[in-house]
Structure formats: C-alpha cells, structure tokens
Amino acid sequence: MKRKVGTLLEEDVLRKAKRRAVDEGRPLSDLIQDALESYLSTRAVDPAKSDAAYQLYCERPIKLTSAKLKAVMEEDAWDL
C-alpha cells in the first residue's frame, strides 16, 4: 500500500530528479521510491566497527611505518 509523504528537498536535487523521471518516462514518485529502496538495501555501518575505527585512527596519533603509510596512500578507496 502506498502512502503520501511530505518532505523538503534542495531545488537542484528535485530538478535533477524530475528531469531523470521525464527522461526515463516514469513518474517522479517511482524514481524516488527506487532511489530510496536502493539506498536502504545497502548494508548499514556496524556501530562496533565504526567505534573501533574511531579509536584506532582518531583518538591517538596514527603510528604507521613508512611502508604501511605508503601502502594506504596508494590503495584505491573505491575498491574497499
């Protein structure tokens, strides 16, 4: 069952969404639903992992060897 919702969006985001809906020949509501379903289907960050990462990298200076620092800097973040 579908329900009507009200929300605020940035003008440029709404304009892009409307344009995409027109380009794809479908209602804006379908485009927004698909985008939201896609977003919600991605795995959420595990709070325990987030806390561990914060403690490791933010609570104290990073203690990496030059070789490890170089490896991290050369790593492609998009592959993570």
PDB file of N, CA and C in Angstrom:
ATOM      1  N   MET A   1       0.847  -1.175   0.000  1.00  0.00           N
ATOM      2  CA  MET A   1       0.000   0.000   0.000  1.00  0.00           C
ATOM      3  C   MET A   1       0.896   1.244   0.000  1.00  0.00           C
ATOM      4  N   LYS A   2       0.618   2.151  -0.873  1.00  0.00           N
ATOM      5  CA  LYS A   2       1.390   3.389  -0.949  1.00  0.00           C
ATOM      6  C   LYS A   2       0.768   4.442  -0.050  1.00  0.00           C
ATOM      7  N   ARG A   3       1.648   5.290   0.523  1.00  0.00           N
ATOM      8  CA  ARG A   3       1.200   6.410   1.354  1.00  0.00           C
ATOM      9  C   ARG A   3       1.855   7.679   0.855  1.00  0.00           C
ATOM     10  N   LYS A   4       1.143   8.751   0.951  1.00  0.00           N
ATOM     11  CA  LYS A   4       1.664  10.053   0.562  1.00  0.00           C
ATOM     12  C   LYS A   4       2.505  10.597   1.709  1.00  0.00           C
ATOM     13  N   VAL A   5       3.693  11.131   1.373  1.00  0.00           N
ATOM     14  CA  VAL A   5       4.569  11.734   2.376  1.00  0.00           C
ATOM     15  C   VAL A   5       4.956  13.129   1.915  1.00  0.00           C
ATOM     16  N   GLY A   6       5.308  13.943   2.860  1.00  0.00           N
ATOM     17  CA  GLY A   6       5.785  15.282   2.548  1.00  0.00           C
ATOM     18  C   GLY A   6       7.221  15.421   3.026  1.00  0.00           C
ATOM     19  N   THR A   7       8.047  16.033   2.218  1.00  0.00           N
ATOM     20  CA  THR A   7       9.442  16.228   2.601  1.00  0.00           C
ATOM     21  C   THR A   7       9.997  17.452   1.893  1.00  0.00           C
ATOM     22  N   LEU A   8      11.129  17.909   2.350  1.00  0.00           N
ATOM     23  CA  LEU A   8      11.795  19.048   1.725  1.00  0.00           C
ATOM     24  C   LEU A   8      13.054  18.553   1.028  1.00  0.00           C
ATOM     25  N   LEU A   9      13.254  18.997  -0.196  1.00  0.00           N
ATOM     26  CA  LEU A   9      14.445  18.658  -0.968  1.00  0.00           C
ATOM     27  C   LEU A   9      15.078  19.932  -1.492  1.00  0.00           C
ATOM     28  N   GLU A  10      16.369  19.889  -1.692  1.00  0.00           N
ATOM     29  CA  GLU A  10      17.048  21.018  -2.328  1.00  0.00           C
ATOM     30  C   GLU A  10      16.491  21.177  -3.742  1.00  0.00           C
ATOM     31  N   GLU A  11      16.358  22.419  -4.199  1.00  0.00           N
ATOM     32  CA  GLU A  11      15.780  22.682  -5.509  1.00  0.00           C
ATOM     33  C   GLU A  11      16.526  21.970  -6.628  1.00  0.00           C
ATOM     34  N   ASP A  12      17.854  21.993  -6.576  1.00  0.00           N
ATOM     35  CA  ASP A  12      18.622  21.380  -7.657  1.00  0.00           C
ATOM     36  C   ASP A  12      18.462  19.862  -7.670  1.00  0.00           C
ATOM     37  N   VAL A  13      18.335  19.247  -6.493  1.00  0.00           N
ATOM     38  CA  VAL A  13      18.126  17.801  -6.422  1.00  0.00           C
ATOM     39  C   VAL A  13      16.766  17.443  -7.010  1.00  0.00           C
ATOM     40  N   LEU A  14      15.757  18.202  -6.642  1.00  0.00           N
ATOM     41  CA  LEU A  14      14.416  17.955  -7.163  1.00  0.00           C
ATOM     42  C   LEU A  14      14.373  18.165  -8.676  1.00  0.00           C
ATOM     43  N   ARG A  15      15.021  19.200  -9.154  1.00  0.00           N
ATOM     44  CA  ARG A  15      15.055  19.472 -10.590  1.00  0.00           C
ATOM     45  C   ARG A  15      15.716  18.309 -11.350  1.00  0.00           C
ATOM     46  N   LYS A  16      16.844  17.805 -10.803  1.00  0.00           N
ATOM     47  CA  LYS A  16      17.538  16.672 -11.443  1.00  0.00           C
ATOM     48  C   LYS A  16      16.667  15.417 -11.419  1.00  0.00           C
ATOM     49  N   ALA A  17      15.981  15.204 -10.314  1.00  0.00           N
ATOM     50  CA  ALA A  17      15.112  14.025 -10.201  1.00  0.00           C
ATOM     51  C   ALA A  17      13.961  14.110 -11.193  1.00  0.00           C
ATOM     52  N   LYS A  18      13.350  15.278 -11.306  1.00  0.00           N
ATOM     53  CA  LYS A  18      12.253  15.452 -12.255  1.00  0.00           C
ATOM     54  C   LYS A  18      12.735  15.229 -13.688  1.00  0.00           C
ATOM     55  N   ARG A  19      13.902  15.758 -13.986  1.00  0.00           N
ATOM     56  CA  ARG A  19      14.466  15.598 -15.330  1.00  0.00           C
ATOM     57  C   ARG A  19      14.718  14.117 -15.635  1.00  0.00           C
ATOM     58  N   ARG A  20      15.285  13.395 -14.665  1.00  0.00           N
ATOM     59  CA  ARG A  20      15.557  11.967 -14.855  1.00  0.00           C
ATOM     60  C   ARG A  20      14.257  11.202 -15.057  1.00  0.00           C
ATOM     61  N   ALA A  21      13.235  11.542 -14.275  1.00  0.00           N
ATOM     62  CA  ALA A  21      11.943  10.865 -14.408  1.00  0.00           C
ATOM     63  C   ALA A  21      11.366  11.091 -15.810  1.00  0.00           C
ATOM     64  N   VAL A  22      11.450  12.313 -16.296  1.00  0.00           N
ATOM     65  CA  VAL A  22      10.965  12.616 -17.643  1.00  0.00           C
ATOM     66  C   VAL A  22      11.775  11.843 -18.674  1.00  0.00           C
ATOM     67  N   ASP A  23      13.104  11.850 -18.536  1.00  0.00           N
ATOM     68  CA  ASP A  23      13.977  11.138 -19.478  1.00  0.00           C
ATOM     69  C   ASP A  23      13.664   9.646 -19.520  1.00  0.00           C
ATOM     70  N   GLU A  24      13.297   9.089 -18.369  1.00  0.00           N
ATOM     71  CA  GLU A  24      13.006   7.659 -18.281  1.00  0.00           C
ATOM     72  C   GLU A  24      11.523   7.353 -18.524  1.00  0.00           C
ATOM     73  N   GLY A  25      10.718   8.410 -18.681  1.00  0.00           N
ATOM     74  CA  GLY A  25       9.299   8.222 -18.962  1.00  0.00           C
ATOM     75  C   GLY A  25       8.530   7.561 -17.835  1.00  0.00           C
ATOM     76  N   ARG A  26       8.813   7.974 -16.624  1.00  0.00           N
ATOM     77  CA  ARG A  26       8.091   7.398 -15.487  1.00  0.00           C
ATOM     78  C   ARG A  26       7.809   8.476 -14.452  1.00  0.00           C
ATOM     79  N   PRO A  27       6.900   8.199 -13.541  1.00  0.00           N
ATOM     80  CA  PRO A  27       6.550   9.197 -12.523  1.00  0.00           C
ATOM     81  C   PRO A  27       7.710   9.478 -11.565  1.00  0.00           C
ATOM     82  N   LEU A  28       7.755  10.700 -11.090  1.00  0.00           N
ATOM     83  CA  LEU A  28       8.770  11.102 -10.120  1.00  0.00           C
ATOM     84  C   LEU A  28       8.695  10.226  -8.878  1.00  0.00           C
ATOM     85  N   SER A  29       7.495   9.873  -8.447  1.00  0.00           N
ATOM     86  CA  SER A  29       7.350   9.057  -7.238  1.00  0.00           C
ATOM     87  C   SER A  29       8.019   7.688  -7.413  1.00  0.00           C
ATOM     88  N   ASP A  30       7.942   7.107  -8.617  1.00  0.00           N
ATOM     89  CA  ASP A  30       8.609   5.818  -8.867  1.00  0.00           C
ATOM     90  C   ASP A  30      10.130   5.968  -8.786  1.00  0.00           C
ATOM     91  N   LEU A  31      10.632   7.054  -9.356  1.00  0.00           N
ATOM     92  CA  LEU A  31      12.078   7.294  -9.310  1.00  0.00           C
ATOM     93  C   LEU A  31      12.551   7.447  -7.861  1.00  0.00           C
ATOM     94  N   ILE A  32      11.825   8.223  -7.073  1.00  0.00           N
ATOM     95  CA  ILE A  32      12.193   8.430  -5.671  1.00  0.00           C
ATOM     96  C   ILE A  32      12.094   7.118  -4.898  1.00  0.00           C
ATOM     97  N   GLN A  33      11.058   6.334  -5.146  1.00  0.00           N
ATOM     98  CA  GLN A  33      10.924   5.048  -4.458  1.00  0.00           C
ATOM     99  C   GLN A  33      12.089   4.132  -4.794  1.00  0.00           C
ATOM    100  N   ASP A  34      12.455   4.044  -6.080  1.00  0.00           N
ATOM    101  CA  ASP A  34      13.578   3.199  -6.478  1.00  0.00           C
ATOM    102  C   ASP A  34      14.883   3.660  -5.832  1.00  0.00           C
ATOM    103  N   ALA A  35      15.099   4.968  -5.791  1.00  0.00           N
ATOM    104  CA  ALA A  35      16.320   5.503  -5.184  1.00  0.00           C
ATOM    105  C   ALA A  35      16.366   5.188  -3.691  1.00  0.00           C
ATOM    106  N   LEU A  36      15.250   5.338  -3.020  1.00  0.00           N
ATOM    107  CA  LEU A  36      15.192   5.065  -1.586  1.00  0.00           C
ATOM    108  C   LEU A  36      15.366   3.574  -1.305  1.00  0.00           C
ATOM    109  N   GLU A  37      14.750   2.728  -2.107  1.00  0.00           N
ATOM    110  CA  GLU A  37      14.922   1.281  -1.938  1.00  0.00           C
ATOM    111  C   GLU A  37      16.373   0.881  -2.149  1.00  0.00           C
ATOM    112  N   SER A  38      17.013   1.473  -3.136  1.00  0.00           N
ATOM    113  CA  SER A  38      18.423   1.182  -3.399  1.00  0.00           C
ATOM    114  C   SER A  38      19.290   1.605  -2.213  1.00  0.00           C
ATOM    115  N   TYR A  39      19.025   2.782  -1.691  1.00  0.00           N
ATOM    116  CA  TYR A  39      19.772   3.276  -0.534  1.00  0.00           C
ATOM    117  C   TYR A  39      19.580   2.366   0.676  1.00  0.00           C
ATOM    118  N   LEU A  40      18.347   1.971   0.927  1.00  0.00           N
ATOM    119  CA  LEU A  40      18.038   1.149   2.097  1.00  0.00           C
ATOM    120  C   LEU A  40      18.540  -0.284   1.964  1.00  0.00           C
ATOM    121  N   SER A  41      18.782  -0.734   0.748  1.00  0.00           N
ATOM    122  CA  SER A  41      19.257  -2.104   0.558  1.00  0.00           C
ATOM    123  C   SER A  41      20.753  -2.244   0.812  1.00  0.00           C
ATOM    124  N   THR A  42      21.460  -1.125   0.874  1.00  0.00           N
ATOM    125  CA  THR A  42      22.890  -1.199   1.167  1.00  0.00           C
ATOM    126  C   THR A  42      23.067  -1.449   2.657  1.00  0.00           C
ATOM    127  N   ARG A  43      24.113  -2.150   2.980  1.00  0.00           N
ATOM    128  CA  ARG A  43      24.355  -2.524   4.364  1.00  0.00           C
ATOM    129  C   ARG A  43      24.759  -1.308   5.195  1.00  0.00           C
ATOM    130  N   ALA A  44      24.146  -1.176   6.339  1.00  0.00           N
ATOM    131  CA  ALA A  44      24.473  -0.078   7.244  1.00  0.00           C
ATOM    132  C   ALA A  44      25.814  -0.354   7.918  1.00  0.00           C
ATOM    133  N   VAL A  45      26.469   0.696   8.344  1.00  0.00           N
ATOM    134  CA  VAL A  45      27.748   0.566   9.028  1.00  0.00           C
ATOM    135  C   VAL A  45      27.529  -0.061  10.400  1.00  0.00           C
ATOM    136  N   ASP A  46      28.328  -1.047  10.717  1.00  0.00           N
ATOM    137  CA  ASP A  46      28.272  -1.710  12.021  1.00  0.00           C
ATOM    138  C   ASP A  46      28.815  -0.738  13.066  1.00  0.00           C
ATOM    139  N   PRO A  47      28.006  -0.348  14.066  1.00  0.00           N
ATOM    140  CA  PRO A  47      28.459   0.618  15.069  1.00  0.00           C
ATOM    141  C   PRO A  47      29.735   0.180  15.792  1.00  0.00           C
ATOM    142  N   ALA A  48      29.889  -1.105  16.041  1.00  0.00           N
ATOM    143  CA  ALA A  48      31.095  -1.589  16.730  1.00  0.00           C
ATOM    144  C   ALA A  48      32.323  -1.360  15.858  1.00  0.00           C
ATOM    145  N   LYS A  49      32.192  -1.600  14.551  1.00  0.00           N
ATOM    146  CA  LYS A  49      33.317  -1.371  13.641  1.00  0.00           C
ATOM    147  C   LYS A  49      33.628   0.117  13.533  1.00  0.00           C
ATOM    148  N   SER A  50      32.573   0.927  13.514  1.00  0.00           N
ATOM    149  CA  SER A  50      32.769   2.367  13.445  1.00  0.00           C
ATOM    150  C   SER A  50      33.504   2.872  14.684  1.00  0.00           C
ATOM    151  N   ASP A  51      33.102   2.392  15.863  1.00  0.00           N
ATOM    152  CA  ASP A  51      33.771   2.788  17.104  1.00  0.00           C
ATOM    153  C   ASP A  51      35.223   2.330  17.121  1.00  0.00           C
ATOM    154  N   ALA A  52      35.478   1.103  16.663  1.00  0.00           N
ATOM    155  CA  ALA A  52      36.849   0.582  16.635  1.00  0.00           C
ATOM    156  C   ALA A  52      37.709   1.410  15.693  1.00  0.00           C
ATOM    157  N   ALA A  53      37.157   1.782  14.542  1.00  0.00           N
ATOM    158  CA  ALA A  53      37.907   2.600  13.587  1.00  0.00           C
ATOM    159  C   ALA A  53      38.207   3.973  14.185  1.00  0.00           C
ATOM    160  N   TYR A  54      37.235   4.548  14.867  1.00  0.00           N
ATOM    161  CA  TYR A  54      37.449   5.846  15.500  1.00  0.00           C
ATOM    162  C   TYR A  54      38.568   5.762  16.525  1.00  0.00           C
ATOM    163  N   GLN A  55      38.517   4.744  17.370  1.00  0.00           N
ATOM    164  CA  GLN A  55      39.547   4.585  18.392  1.00  0.00           C
ATOM    165  C   GLN A  55      40.920   4.377  17.768  1.00  0.00           C
ATOM    166  N   LEU A  56      40.967   3.607  16.703  1.00  0.00           N
ATOM    167  CA  LEU A  56      42.236   3.309  16.063  1.00  0.00           C
ATOM    168  C   LEU A  56      42.828   4.520  15.355  1.00  0.00           C
ATOM    169  N   TYR A  57      41.980   5.285  14.668  1.00  0.00           N
ATOM    170  CA  TYR A  57      42.504   6.352  13.808  1.00  0.00           C
ATOM    171  C   TYR A  57      42.302   7.774  14.327  1.00  0.00           C
ATOM    172  N   CYS A  58      41.422   7.983  15.280  1.00  0.00           N
ATOM    173  CA  CYS A  58      41.113   9.353  15.676  1.00  0.00           C
ATOM    174  C   CYS A  58      41.482   9.699  17.114  1.00  0.00           C
ATOM    175  N   GLU A  59      41.486   8.729  17.997  1.00  0.00           N
ATOM    176  CA  GLU A  59      41.727   9.050  19.399  1.00  0.00           C
ATOM    177  C   GLU A  59      43.199   9.271  19.724  1.00  0.00           C
ATOM    178  N   ARG A  60      44.073   8.784  18.892  1.00  0.00           N
ATOM    179  CA  ARG A  60      45.505   8.960  19.146  1.00  0.00           C
ATOM    180  C   ARG A  60      46.208   9.107  17.809  1.00  0.00           C
ATOM    181  N   PRO A  61      47.413   9.633  17.814  1.00  0.00           N
ATOM    182  CA  PRO A  61      48.147   9.765  16.544  1.00  0.00           C
ATOM    183  C   PRO A  61      48.332   8.404  15.886  1.00  0.00           C
ATOM    184  N   ILE A  62      48.285   8.416  14.584  1.00  0.00           N
ATOM    185  CA  ILE A  62      48.464   7.172  13.839  1.00  0.00           C
ATOM    186  C   ILE A  62      49.932   6.779  13.883  1.00  0.00           C
ATOM    187  N   LYS A  63      50.154   5.531  14.252  1.00  0.00           N
ATOM    188  CA  LYS A  63      51.515   5.027  14.323  1.00  0.00           C
ATOM    189  C   LYS A  63      51.694   3.989  13.224  1.00  0.00           C
ATOM    190  N   LEU A  64      52.076   4.477  12.045  1.00  0.00           N
ATOM    191  CA  LEU A  64      52.300   3.600  10.912  1.00  0.00           C
ATOM    192  C   LEU A  64      53.752   3.700  10.472  1.00  0.00           C
ATOM    193  N   THR A  65      54.262   2.585  10.001  1.00  0.00           N
ATOM    194  CA  THR A  65      55.596   2.630   9.411  1.00  0.00           C
ATOM    195  C   THR A  65      55.472   3.353   8.080  1.00  0.00           C
ATOM    196  N   SER A  66      56.560   3.806   7.549  1.00  0.00           N
ATOM    197  CA  SER A  66      56.548   4.489   6.250  1.00  0.00           C
ATOM    198  C   SER A  66      55.972   3.583   5.173  1.00  0.00           C
ATOM    199  N   ALA A  67      56.324   2.302   5.213  1.00  0.00           N
ATOM    200  CA  ALA A  67      55.841   1.358   4.209  1.00  0.00           C
ATOM    201  C   ALA A  67      54.319   1.198   4.292  1.00  0.00           C
ATOM    202  N   LYS A  68      53.768   1.102   5.514  1.00  0.00           N
ATOM    203  CA  LYS A  68      52.324   0.952   5.674  1.00  0.00           C
ATOM    204  C   LYS A  68      51.596   2.221   5.237  1.00  0.00           C
ATOM    205  N   LEU A  69      52.155   3.377   5.574  1.00  0.00           N
ATOM    206  CA  LEU A  69      51.547   4.640   5.166  1.00  0.00           C
ATOM    207  C   LEU A  69      51.515   4.743   3.644  1.00  0.00           C
ATOM    208  N   LYS A  70      52.617   4.377   2.996  1.00  0.00           N
ATOM    209  CA  LYS A  70      52.685   4.411   1.541  1.00  0.00           C
ATOM    210  C   LYS A  70      51.653   3.461   0.938  1.00  0.00           C
ATOM    211  N   ALA A  71      51.500   2.262   1.504  1.00  0.00           N
ATOM    212  CA  ALA A  71      50.527   1.292   1.002  1.00  0.00           C
ATOM    213  C   ALA A  71      49.105   1.835   1.123  1.00  0.00           C
ATOM    214  N   VAL A  72      48.799   2.469   2.240  1.00  0.00           N
ATOM    215  CA  VAL A  72      47.467   3.046   2.438  1.00  0.00           C
ATOM    216  C   VAL A  72      47.223   4.179   1.448  1.00  0.00           C
ATOM    217  N   MET A  73      48.209   5.017   1.242  1.00  0.00           N
ATOM    218  CA  MET A  73      48.055   6.151   0.332  1.00  0.00           C
ATOM    219  C   MET A  73      47.880   5.702  -1.119  1.00  0.00           C
ATOM    220  N   GLU A  74      48.460   4.566  -1.464  1.00  0.00           N
ATOM    221  CA  GLU A  74      48.371   4.067  -2.837  1.00  0.00           C
ATOM    222  C   GLU A  74      47.140   3.196  -3.060  1.00  0.00           C
ATOM    223  N   GLU A  75      46.443   2.849  -1.994  1.00  0.00           N
ATOM    224  CA  GLU A  75      45.269   1.997  -2.089  1.00  0.00           C
ATOM    225  C   GLU A  75      44.125   2.750  -2.753  1.00  0.00           C
ATOM    226  N   ASP A  76      43.391   2.061  -3.621  1.00  0.00           N
ATOM    227  CA  ASP A  76      42.254   2.669  -4.290  1.00  0.00           C
ATOM    228  C   ASP A  76      41.038   2.570  -3.379  1.00  0.00           C
ATOM    229  N   ALA A  77      40.592   3.699  -2.858  1.00  0.00           N
ATOM    230  CA  ALA A  77      39.490   3.716  -1.892  1.00  0.00           C
ATOM    231  C   ALA A  77      38.193   3.195  -2.494  1.00  0.00           C
ATOM    232  N   TRP A  78      38.026   3.271  -3.806  1.00  0.00           N
ATOM    233  CA  TRP A  78      36.792   2.810  -4.436  1.00  0.00           C
ATOM    234  C   TRP A  78      36.684   1.295  -4.417  1.00  0.00           C
ATOM    235  N   ASP A  79      37.800   0.602  -4.173  1.00  0.00           N
ATOM    236  CA  ASP A  79      37.781  -0.864  -4.145  1.00  0.00           C
ATOM    237  C   ASP A  79      37.452  -1.408  -2.761  1.00  0.00           C
ATOM    238  N   LEU A  80      37.298  -0.544  -1.766  1.00  0.00           N
ATOM    239  CA  LEU A  80      37.057  -1.019  -0.398  1.00  0.00           C
ATOM    240  C   LEU A  80      35.674  -1.504  -0.202  1.00  0.00           C
TER     241      LEU A  80
END
